[in-house]
Amino acid sequence: MKLKVITSNAGKVAEYQRSLGDLGIEMEHYRLPYDEVQSSDLEEVVSKGMDAIVAQGIRDFIIDDSGLFVDALKGFPGVWSAYAQKTIGNDGILRLLEGSADRGAEFRCCIGCDIAGQRIIVTGVCRGTITGEQTGDGGFGFDPIFTHDGGPTFAEIPMELKNRVSHRGIAVGLLVDELRKRGLV
């Protein structure tokens, strides 16, 4: 079975291949522009994105959307995480949290999968905190300011561990469970 991974990020394709390859699923990098609805809800963004892709006649694909949701910032940057990363970056998030005792946050990843005529949407959540400063040079995005366990940031832990405990790793695990439950793998 082959699934199209609709993304501009080749790294995601490799990550999905590592996670789903053992199930006999081959990943194909597929670039396809589609309109993303503006919503504060990841599941709505993914669901509407899937609708737009299916309307173009595409089947057997995976898309995802992720974000960092900071408690003290009422969920900001959330679905606008990529834009916030490009504009204010990690330093901007840390400045917004200056003086805040509430450092709670969570990464969320919502995966939408159209496979064998069935639609699956799952969301993985990794709860943690925003650190007081950036540390580490691994990972990407907000990884240098997020810790899942109060210890090293996502930018400091080995990728294998990050892939197990991260929002995307959790979402992929939920997707695998759902594929098995439906007898698709």
N, C-alpha and C. Protein backbone atom coordinates (compact mmCIF):
# COMPACT_ATOMS: atom_id res chain seq x y z
N MET A 1 0.85 -1.17 0.00
CA MET A 1 0.00 0.00 0.00
C MET A 1 0.89 1.24 0.00
N LYS A 2 0.47 2.28 -0.71
CA LYS A 2 1.23 3.51 -0.79
C LYS A 2 0.32 4.67 -0.36
N LEU A 3 0.87 5.54 0.50
CA LEU A 3 0.16 6.75 0.93
C LEU A 3 0.94 7.97 0.50
N LYS A 4 0.23 8.96 0.01
CA LYS A 4 0.84 10.24 -0.34
C LYS A 4 0.93 11.07 0.93
N VAL A 5 2.12 11.56 1.25
CA VAL A 5 2.27 12.48 2.38
C VAL A 5 2.28 13.88 1.77
N ILE A 6 1.19 14.59 1.98
CA ILE A 6 1.02 15.91 1.37
C ILE A 6 1.63 16.95 2.30
N THR A 7 2.82 17.43 1.90
CA THR A 7 3.57 18.37 2.70
C THR A 7 4.68 18.98 1.85
N SER A 8 5.18 20.09 2.29
CA SER A 8 6.37 20.66 1.66
C SER A 8 7.63 20.23 2.41
N ASN A 9 7.46 19.52 3.53
CA ASN A 9 8.54 19.12 4.41
C ASN A 9 8.95 17.67 4.15
N ALA A 10 10.06 17.48 3.44
CA ALA A 10 10.54 16.12 3.13
C ALA A 10 10.87 15.33 4.39
N GLY A 11 11.24 16.02 5.47
CA GLY A 11 11.54 15.36 6.73
C GLY A 11 10.33 14.63 7.29
N LYS A 12 9.13 15.18 7.09
CA LYS A 12 7.92 14.50 7.56
C LYS A 12 7.71 13.18 6.84
N VAL A 13 8.02 13.17 5.54
CA VAL A 13 7.85 11.95 4.75
C VAL A 13 8.73 10.85 5.33
N ALA A 14 9.99 11.17 5.60
CA ALA A 14 10.92 10.20 6.18
C ALA A 14 10.44 9.74 7.56
N GLU A 15 9.92 10.67 8.34
CA GLU A 15 9.43 10.32 9.68
C GLU A 15 8.24 9.36 9.59
N TYR A 16 7.31 9.64 8.68
CA TYR A 16 6.18 8.73 8.50
C TYR A 16 6.65 7.37 7.99
N GLN A 17 7.63 7.36 7.09
CA GLN A 17 8.13 6.10 6.55
C GLN A 17 8.74 5.26 7.66
N ARG A 18 9.52 5.89 8.55
CA ARG A 18 10.10 5.16 9.69
C ARG A 18 9.00 4.59 10.59
N SER A 19 7.93 5.35 10.77
CA SER A 19 6.88 4.94 11.70
C SER A 19 5.90 3.94 11.11
N LEU A 20 5.64 4.02 9.81
CA LEU A 20 4.60 3.18 9.20
C LEU A 20 5.15 2.14 8.24
N GLY A 21 6.44 2.21 7.94
CA GLY A 21 7.03 1.27 6.98
C GLY A 21 6.92 -0.18 7.39
N ASP A 22 7.03 -0.45 8.69
CA ASP A 22 6.94 -1.83 9.17
C ASP A 22 5.55 -2.42 8.98
N LEU A 23 4.57 -1.56 8.72
CA LEU A 23 3.20 -2.03 8.50
C LEU A 23 2.95 -2.34 7.03
N GLY A 24 4.00 -2.20 6.21
CA GLY A 24 3.85 -2.45 4.78
C GLY A 24 3.29 -1.27 4.01
N ILE A 25 3.38 -0.09 4.61
CA ILE A 25 2.89 1.12 3.95
C ILE A 25 4.10 1.91 3.43
N GLU A 26 4.07 2.21 2.15
CA GLU A 26 5.13 3.02 1.55
C GLU A 26 4.66 4.47 1.46
N MET A 27 5.55 5.38 1.81
CA MET A 27 5.23 6.81 1.77
C MET A 27 5.74 7.44 0.48
N GLU A 28 4.92 8.29 -0.10
CA GLU A 28 5.29 9.03 -1.30
C GLU A 28 5.16 10.52 -1.00
N HIS A 29 6.24 11.26 -1.20
CA HIS A 29 6.19 12.72 -1.00
C HIS A 29 5.36 13.31 -2.13
N TYR A 30 4.33 14.05 -1.75
CA TYR A 30 3.37 14.58 -2.72
C TYR A 30 3.14 16.05 -2.39
N ARG A 31 3.51 16.90 -3.30
CA ARG A 31 3.31 18.34 -3.11
C ARG A 31 2.00 18.72 -3.78
N LEU A 32 1.09 19.25 -3.01
CA LEU A 32 -0.21 19.64 -3.53
C LEU A 32 -0.71 20.85 -2.76
N PRO A 33 -0.82 21.98 -3.42
CA PRO A 33 -1.36 23.14 -2.70
C PRO A 33 -2.86 22.95 -2.45
N TYR A 34 -3.28 23.35 -1.28
CA TYR A 34 -4.71 23.34 -0.95
C TYR A 34 -4.95 24.44 0.07
N ASP A 35 -6.16 24.96 0.07
CA ASP A 35 -6.50 26.04 1.00
C ASP A 35 -6.64 25.49 2.41
N GLU A 36 -5.98 26.15 3.35
CA GLU A 36 -6.15 25.79 4.76
C GLU A 36 -7.11 26.78 5.39
N VAL A 37 -8.17 26.26 5.97
CA VAL A 37 -9.16 27.10 6.63
C VAL A 37 -8.50 27.80 7.81
N GLN A 38 -8.88 29.03 8.07
CA GLN A 38 -8.37 29.76 9.23
C GLN A 38 -9.29 29.45 10.41
N SER A 39 -8.76 28.71 11.35
CA SER A 39 -9.52 28.29 12.53
C SER A 39 -8.56 28.11 13.68
N SER A 40 -9.05 28.25 14.89
CA SER A 40 -8.21 28.03 16.06
C SER A 40 -8.21 26.56 16.49
N ASP A 41 -8.87 25.69 15.70
CA ASP A 41 -9.01 24.28 16.03
C ASP A 41 -8.25 23.42 15.01
N LEU A 42 -7.23 22.70 15.47
CA LEU A 42 -6.42 21.87 14.57
C LEU A 42 -7.26 20.85 13.81
N GLU A 43 -8.20 20.20 14.50
CA GLU A 43 -9.01 19.18 13.85
C GLU A 43 -9.83 19.77 12.71
N GLU A 44 -10.34 20.98 12.89
CA GLU A 44 -11.10 21.62 11.83
C GLU A 44 -10.20 21.95 10.64
N VAL A 45 -8.99 22.44 10.92
CA VAL A 45 -8.04 22.74 9.85
C VAL A 45 -7.75 21.47 9.04
N VAL A 46 -7.48 20.36 9.72
CA VAL A 46 -7.17 19.10 9.04
C VAL A 46 -8.39 18.56 8.30
N SER A 47 -9.54 18.57 8.93
CA SER A 47 -10.75 18.05 8.29
C SER A 47 -11.10 18.82 7.02
N LYS A 48 -11.06 20.13 7.10
CA LYS A 48 -11.36 20.96 5.91
C LYS A 48 -10.27 20.78 4.85
N GLY A 49 -9.02 20.63 5.28
CA GLY A 49 -7.95 20.36 4.33
C GLY A 49 -8.18 19.04 3.60
N MET A 50 -8.61 18.02 4.34
CA MET A 50 -8.91 16.74 3.72
C MET A 50 -10.04 16.87 2.71
N ASP A 51 -11.07 17.64 3.07
CA ASP A 51 -12.18 17.87 2.13
C ASP A 51 -11.68 18.49 0.83
N ALA A 52 -10.79 19.49 0.96
CA ALA A 52 -10.27 20.18 -0.23
C ALA A 52 -9.43 19.24 -1.09
N ILE A 53 -8.67 18.36 -0.46
CA ILE A 53 -7.82 17.41 -1.20
C ILE A 53 -8.68 16.37 -1.91
N VAL A 54 -9.66 15.82 -1.19
CA VAL A 54 -10.56 14.83 -1.79
C VAL A 54 -11.33 15.45 -2.96
N ALA A 55 -11.71 16.72 -2.82
CA ALA A 55 -12.43 17.41 -3.90
C ALA A 55 -11.57 17.51 -5.17
N GLN A 56 -10.25 17.42 -5.02
CA GLN A 56 -9.35 17.43 -6.17
C GLN A 56 -9.14 16.02 -6.74
N GLY A 57 -9.84 15.04 -6.16
CA GLY A 57 -9.75 13.67 -6.66
C GLY A 57 -8.60 12.86 -6.09
N ILE A 58 -7.95 13.36 -5.06
CA ILE A 58 -6.82 12.66 -4.45
C ILE A 58 -7.34 11.73 -3.36
N ARG A 59 -6.81 10.51 -3.34
CA ARG A 59 -7.15 9.53 -2.31
C ARG A 59 -5.86 8.92 -1.75
N ASP A 60 -6.00 8.23 -0.65
CA ASP A 60 -4.88 7.54 0.01
C ASP A 60 -3.74 8.51 0.32
N PHE A 61 -3.98 9.36 1.32
CA PHE A 61 -3.01 10.39 1.68
C PHE A 61 -3.02 10.64 3.17
N ILE A 62 -1.97 11.35 3.61
CA ILE A 62 -1.84 11.81 5.00
C ILE A 62 -1.51 13.30 4.95
N ILE A 63 -2.16 14.06 5.82
CA ILE A 63 -1.77 15.45 6.10
C ILE A 63 -1.72 15.61 7.60
N ASP A 64 -1.05 16.64 8.06
CA ASP A 64 -1.08 16.93 9.49
C ASP A 64 -0.91 18.42 9.73
N ASP A 65 -1.30 18.82 10.89
CA ASP A 65 -1.10 20.19 11.35
C ASP A 65 -0.74 20.11 12.82
N SER A 66 0.20 20.94 13.21
CA SER A 66 0.70 20.91 14.59
C SER A 66 0.78 22.32 15.14
N GLY A 67 0.84 22.41 16.46
CA GLY A 67 1.02 23.71 17.07
C GLY A 67 1.43 23.60 18.53
N LEU A 68 1.98 24.71 19.01
CA LEU A 68 2.32 24.86 20.43
C LEU A 68 1.25 25.74 21.05
N PHE A 69 0.62 25.24 22.10
CA PHE A 69 -0.47 25.94 22.77
C PHE A 69 0.00 26.29 24.18
N VAL A 70 0.20 27.58 24.45
CA VAL A 70 0.76 28.05 25.71
C VAL A 70 -0.38 28.52 26.61
N ASP A 71 -0.49 27.94 27.79
CA ASP A 71 -1.60 28.22 28.71
C ASP A 71 -1.72 29.71 29.04
N ALA A 72 -0.64 30.34 29.48
CA ALA A 72 -0.69 31.74 29.91
C ALA A 72 -1.01 32.70 28.76
N LEU A 73 -0.84 32.21 27.53
CA LEU A 73 -1.14 33.03 26.35
C LEU A 73 -2.46 32.62 25.71
N LYS A 74 -3.30 31.94 26.52
CA LYS A 74 -4.62 31.50 26.09
C LYS A 74 -4.58 30.67 24.81
N GLY A 75 -3.57 29.80 24.73
CA GLY A 75 -3.46 28.89 23.60
C GLY A 75 -2.62 29.40 22.44
N PHE A 76 -2.19 30.66 22.51
CA PHE A 76 -1.33 31.20 21.46
C PHE A 76 0.04 30.55 21.57
N PRO A 77 0.73 30.26 20.50
CA PRO A 77 0.39 30.54 19.11
C PRO A 77 -0.53 29.53 18.45
N GLY A 78 -0.69 28.34 19.03
CA GLY A 78 -1.66 27.37 18.51
C GLY A 78 -1.50 27.09 17.03
N VAL A 79 -2.62 27.18 16.29
CA VAL A 79 -2.58 26.86 14.86
C VAL A 79 -1.74 27.86 14.07
N TRP A 80 -1.39 28.97 14.69
CA TRP A 80 -0.56 29.98 14.03
C TRP A 80 0.91 29.82 14.42
N SER A 81 1.30 28.65 14.88
CA SER A 81 2.66 28.41 15.37
C SER A 81 3.73 28.65 14.30
N ALA A 82 3.49 28.20 13.08
CA ALA A 82 4.50 28.40 12.03
C ALA A 82 4.71 29.89 11.77
N TYR A 83 3.62 30.64 11.74
CA TYR A 83 3.71 32.08 11.52
C TYR A 83 4.42 32.75 12.71
N ALA A 84 4.05 32.36 13.92
CA ALA A 84 4.68 32.94 15.12
C ALA A 84 6.17 32.61 15.15
N GLN A 85 6.53 31.40 14.74
CA GLN A 85 7.94 31.02 14.73
C GLN A 85 8.72 31.90 13.75
N LYS A 86 8.12 32.17 12.59
CA LYS A 86 8.79 33.00 11.58
C LYS A 86 8.87 34.46 12.00
N THR A 87 7.89 34.95 12.74
CA THR A 87 7.83 36.38 13.05
C THR A 87 8.45 36.75 14.39
N ILE A 88 8.08 36.05 15.46
CA ILE A 88 8.63 36.42 16.78
C ILE A 88 9.61 35.38 17.32
N GLY A 89 9.55 34.16 16.79
CA GLY A 89 10.48 33.12 17.19
C GLY A 89 10.40 32.74 18.65
N ASN A 90 11.36 31.96 19.07
CA ASN A 90 11.43 31.50 20.46
C ASN A 90 11.63 32.66 21.42
N ASP A 91 12.47 33.62 21.03
CA ASP A 91 12.70 34.78 21.89
C ASP A 91 11.40 35.54 22.15
N GLY A 92 10.56 35.64 21.12
CA GLY A 92 9.29 36.35 21.29
C GLY A 92 8.36 35.65 22.27
N ILE A 93 8.29 34.33 22.19
CA ILE A 93 7.45 33.58 23.14
C ILE A 93 7.99 33.76 24.55
N LEU A 94 9.31 33.68 24.70
CA LEU A 94 9.89 33.88 26.03
C LEU A 94 9.61 35.28 26.56
N ARG A 95 9.68 36.29 25.69
CA ARG A 95 9.37 37.67 26.12
C ARG A 95 7.90 37.79 26.54
N LEU A 96 7.00 37.16 25.80
CA LEU A 96 5.58 37.21 26.15
C LEU A 96 5.31 36.57 27.51
N LEU A 97 6.15 35.63 27.90
CA LEU A 97 5.96 34.93 29.18
C LEU A 97 6.75 35.54 30.33
N GLU A 98 7.51 36.59 30.08
CA GLU A 98 8.28 37.22 31.16
C GLU A 98 7.36 37.59 32.31
N GLY A 99 7.75 37.18 33.51
CA GLY A 99 6.98 37.48 34.70
C GLY A 99 5.80 36.55 34.95
N SER A 100 5.54 35.62 34.06
CA SER A 100 4.43 34.69 34.22
C SER A 100 4.87 33.46 35.01
N ALA A 101 4.13 33.14 36.05
CA ALA A 101 4.41 31.93 36.82
C ALA A 101 3.88 30.69 36.09
N ASP A 102 2.88 30.88 35.24
CA ASP A 102 2.28 29.77 34.50
C ASP A 102 3.09 29.53 33.24
N ARG A 103 3.86 28.44 33.21
CA ARG A 103 4.69 28.08 32.06
C ARG A 103 4.12 26.86 31.34
N GLY A 104 2.92 26.43 31.72
CA GLY A 104 2.31 25.25 31.11
C GLY A 104 2.06 25.44 29.62
N ALA A 105 2.26 24.36 28.88
CA ALA A 105 2.04 24.38 27.44
C ALA A 105 1.87 22.96 26.95
N GLU A 106 1.39 22.85 25.72
CA GLU A 106 1.35 21.54 25.10
C GLU A 106 1.54 21.66 23.60
N PHE A 107 2.23 20.69 23.06
CA PHE A 107 2.32 20.52 21.62
C PHE A 107 1.17 19.61 21.22
N ARG A 108 0.51 19.93 20.11
CA ARG A 108 -0.53 19.07 19.57
C ARG A 108 -0.23 18.80 18.10
N CYS A 109 -0.50 17.58 17.68
CA CYS A 109 -0.37 17.20 16.27
C CYS A 109 -1.64 16.47 15.87
N CYS A 110 -2.30 16.98 14.85
CA CYS A 110 -3.50 16.34 14.31
C CYS A 110 -3.15 15.75 12.95
N ILE A 111 -3.35 14.45 12.80
CA ILE A 111 -3.10 13.75 11.54
C ILE A 111 -4.43 13.37 10.91
N GLY A 112 -4.54 13.66 9.63
CA GLY A 112 -5.69 13.22 8.84
C GLY A 112 -5.20 12.22 7.82
N CYS A 113 -5.87 11.07 7.74
CA CYS A 113 -5.47 10.02 6.82
C CYS A 113 -6.69 9.54 6.03
N ASP A 114 -6.58 9.56 4.73
CA ASP A 114 -7.58 8.98 3.84
C ASP A 114 -6.94 7.70 3.31
N ILE A 115 -7.52 6.55 3.65
CA ILE A 115 -6.92 5.28 3.27
C ILE A 115 -8.01 4.26 2.96
N ALA A 116 -7.90 3.65 1.80
CA ALA A 116 -8.83 2.61 1.39
C ALA A 116 -10.29 3.06 1.54
N GLY A 117 -10.53 4.32 1.21
CA GLY A 117 -11.89 4.85 1.28
C GLY A 117 -12.36 5.22 2.67
N GLN A 118 -11.48 5.13 3.66
CA GLN A 118 -11.85 5.48 5.03
C GLN A 118 -11.10 6.73 5.46
N ARG A 119 -11.74 7.51 6.30
CA ARG A 119 -11.17 8.76 6.80
C ARG A 119 -10.87 8.59 8.29
N ILE A 120 -9.63 8.92 8.66
CA ILE A 120 -9.21 8.81 10.06
C ILE A 120 -8.58 10.15 10.46
N ILE A 121 -8.99 10.67 11.61
CA ILE A 121 -8.38 11.87 12.17
C ILE A 121 -8.04 11.58 13.62
N VAL A 122 -6.77 11.76 13.98
CA VAL A 122 -6.31 11.54 15.35
C VAL A 122 -5.47 12.74 15.80
N THR A 123 -5.46 12.97 17.11
CA THR A 123 -4.66 14.07 17.65
C THR A 123 -3.81 13.57 18.81
N GLY A 124 -2.51 13.82 18.70
CA GLY A 124 -1.58 13.50 19.77
C GLY A 124 -1.23 14.75 20.54
N VAL A 125 -1.15 14.64 21.86
CA VAL A 125 -0.84 15.77 22.72
C VAL A 125 0.34 15.42 23.61
N CYS A 126 1.29 16.34 23.70
CA CYS A 126 2.42 16.20 24.61
C CYS A 126 2.42 17.40 25.54
N ARG A 127 2.08 17.15 26.78
CA ARG A 127 2.00 18.20 27.80
C ARG A 127 3.40 18.50 28.35
N GLY A 128 3.67 19.75 28.67
CA GLY A 128 4.97 20.11 29.22
C GLY A 128 4.98 21.55 29.67
N THR A 129 6.17 22.15 29.65
CA THR A 129 6.33 23.54 30.08
C THR A 129 7.30 24.27 29.15
N ILE A 130 7.16 25.59 29.18
CA ILE A 130 8.09 26.46 28.46
C ILE A 130 9.21 26.82 29.43
N THR A 131 10.43 26.64 28.97
CA THR A 131 11.60 26.92 29.80
C THR A 131 11.83 28.43 29.90
N GLY A 132 12.77 28.84 30.71
CA GLY A 132 13.09 30.25 30.86
C GLY A 132 14.06 30.78 29.82
N GLU A 133 14.73 29.84 29.12
CA GLU A 133 15.69 30.23 28.09
C GLU A 133 15.79 29.11 27.06
N GLN A 134 16.35 29.44 25.91
CA GLN A 134 16.55 28.45 24.87
C GLN A 134 17.77 27.60 25.20
N THR A 135 17.63 26.29 25.05
CA THR A 135 18.77 25.39 25.23
C THR A 135 18.69 24.27 24.20
N GLY A 136 19.85 23.83 23.74
CA GLY A 136 19.93 22.73 22.78
C GLY A 136 19.95 23.21 21.35
N ASP A 137 20.50 22.35 20.49
CA ASP A 137 20.57 22.72 19.08
C ASP A 137 19.97 21.66 18.17
N GLY A 138 19.27 20.69 18.74
CA GLY A 138 18.58 19.68 17.94
C GLY A 138 17.15 20.12 17.66
N GLY A 139 16.45 19.29 16.93
CA GLY A 139 15.04 19.56 16.65
C GLY A 139 14.87 20.80 15.79
N PHE A 140 13.71 21.42 15.92
CA PHE A 140 13.41 22.61 15.14
C PHE A 140 12.29 23.38 15.82
N GLY A 141 11.99 24.55 15.31
CA GLY A 141 10.87 25.34 15.83
C GLY A 141 11.01 25.67 17.30
N PHE A 142 9.99 25.35 18.06
CA PHE A 142 9.94 25.69 19.48
C PHE A 142 10.64 24.65 20.37
N ASP A 143 11.27 23.65 19.78
CA ASP A 143 11.94 22.60 20.56
C ASP A 143 12.91 23.13 21.62
N PRO A 144 13.69 24.20 21.35
CA PRO A 144 14.65 24.67 22.36
C PRO A 144 14.02 25.33 23.59
N ILE A 145 12.70 25.55 23.59
CA ILE A 145 12.06 26.18 24.76
C ILE A 145 10.98 25.30 25.38
N PHE A 146 10.87 24.03 24.95
CA PHE A 146 9.82 23.15 25.46
C PHE A 146 10.44 21.91 26.09
N THR A 147 9.99 21.61 27.31
CA THR A 147 10.38 20.36 27.97
C THR A 147 9.11 19.58 28.32
N HIS A 148 9.14 18.30 28.05
CA HIS A 148 7.97 17.46 28.33
C HIS A 148 7.97 16.95 29.76
N ASP A 149 9.13 16.97 30.41
CA ASP A 149 9.21 16.36 31.74
C ASP A 149 9.94 17.22 32.77
N GLY A 150 10.16 18.49 32.45
CA GLY A 150 10.88 19.37 33.38
C GLY A 150 12.38 19.24 33.27
N GLY A 151 12.84 18.35 32.42
CA GLY A 151 14.28 18.14 32.22
C GLY A 151 14.75 18.82 30.94
N PRO A 152 15.55 18.11 30.16
CA PRO A 152 16.07 18.69 28.93
C PRO A 152 14.95 19.07 27.94
N THR A 153 15.23 20.05 27.11
CA THR A 153 14.25 20.46 26.10
C THR A 153 14.21 19.44 24.98
N PHE A 154 13.20 19.57 24.12
CA PHE A 154 13.12 18.71 22.94
C PHE A 154 14.35 18.88 22.04
N ALA A 155 15.01 20.04 22.12
CA ALA A 155 16.21 20.27 21.31
C ALA A 155 17.45 19.60 21.92
N GLU A 156 17.32 19.09 23.14
CA GLU A 156 18.46 18.46 23.82
C GLU A 156 18.36 16.94 23.92
N ILE A 157 17.17 16.39 23.76
CA ILE A 157 17.03 14.94 23.92
C ILE A 157 17.29 14.23 22.59
N PRO A 158 17.70 12.96 22.66
CA PRO A 158 17.93 12.21 21.42
C PRO A 158 16.64 12.12 20.59
N MET A 159 16.80 12.15 19.27
CA MET A 159 15.64 12.11 18.38
C MET A 159 14.78 10.88 18.61
N GLU A 160 15.39 9.75 18.91
CA GLU A 160 14.61 8.53 19.16
C GLU A 160 13.65 8.72 20.32
N LEU A 161 14.13 9.33 21.40
CA LEU A 161 13.27 9.60 22.55
C LEU A 161 12.20 10.63 22.18
N LYS A 162 12.60 11.70 21.52
CA LYS A 162 11.63 12.72 21.12
C LYS A 162 10.51 12.11 20.29
N ASN A 163 10.87 11.24 19.34
CA ASN A 163 9.86 10.63 18.47
C ASN A 163 8.88 9.75 19.25
N ARG A 164 9.30 9.23 20.40
CA ARG A 164 8.40 8.40 21.22
C ARG A 164 7.45 9.24 22.06
N VAL A 165 7.94 10.38 22.58
CA VAL A 165 7.15 11.14 23.55
C VAL A 165 6.48 12.39 22.96
N SER A 166 6.85 12.76 21.74
CA SER A 166 6.34 14.00 21.15
C SER A 166 4.89 13.86 20.70
N HIS A 167 4.28 14.99 20.47
CA HIS A 167 2.91 15.06 19.97
C HIS A 167 2.75 14.28 18.67
N ARG A 168 3.72 14.41 17.75
CA ARG A 168 3.63 13.69 16.48
C ARG A 168 3.81 12.20 16.70
N GLY A 169 4.75 11.82 17.56
CA GLY A 169 4.94 10.40 17.87
C GLY A 169 3.68 9.78 18.48
N ILE A 170 3.05 10.51 19.38
CA ILE A 170 1.81 10.03 20.00
C ILE A 170 0.70 9.92 18.95
N ALA A 171 0.59 10.93 18.07
CA ALA A 171 -0.44 10.92 17.02
C ALA A 171 -0.21 9.76 16.06
N VAL A 172 1.03 9.50 15.68
CA VAL A 172 1.32 8.38 14.79
C VAL A 172 0.93 7.06 15.46
N GLY A 173 1.21 6.93 16.76
CA GLY A 173 0.80 5.73 17.49
C GLY A 173 -0.71 5.55 17.49
N LEU A 174 -1.44 6.64 17.66
CA LEU A 174 -2.90 6.58 17.61
C LEU A 174 -3.39 6.20 16.22
N LEU A 175 -2.71 6.71 15.18
CA LEU A 175 -3.07 6.36 13.81
C LEU A 175 -2.84 4.87 13.57
N VAL A 176 -1.71 4.36 14.00
CA VAL A 176 -1.42 2.93 13.84
C VAL A 176 -2.48 2.10 14.55
N ASP A 177 -2.84 2.48 15.77
CA ASP A 177 -3.88 1.75 16.51
C ASP A 177 -5.19 1.74 15.72
N GLU A 178 -5.55 2.88 15.16
CA GLU A 178 -6.81 2.99 14.41
C GLU A 178 -6.75 2.17 13.12
N LEU A 179 -5.62 2.19 12.43
CA LEU A 179 -5.47 1.39 11.21
C LEU A 179 -5.63 -0.10 11.53
N ARG A 180 -5.05 -0.53 12.64
CA ARG A 180 -5.16 -1.95 13.04
C ARG A 180 -6.60 -2.28 13.44
N LYS A 181 -7.21 -1.38 14.21
CA LYS A 181 -8.59 -1.61 14.66
C LYS A 181 -9.54 -1.77 13.47
N ARG A 182 -9.29 -1.01 12.41
CA ARG A 182 -10.15 -1.07 11.22
C ARG A 182 -9.73 -2.15 10.24
N GLY A 183 -8.66 -2.89 10.57
CA GLY A 183 -8.21 -3.97 9.70
C GLY A 183 -7.57 -3.49 8.41
N LEU A 184 -7.00 -2.29 8.44
CA LEU A 184 -6.40 -1.73 7.24
C LEU A 184 -4.92 -2.08 7.09
N VAL A 185 -4.32 -2.60 8.15
CA VAL A 185 -2.94 -3.08 8.11
C VAL A 185 -2.83 -4.40 8.85
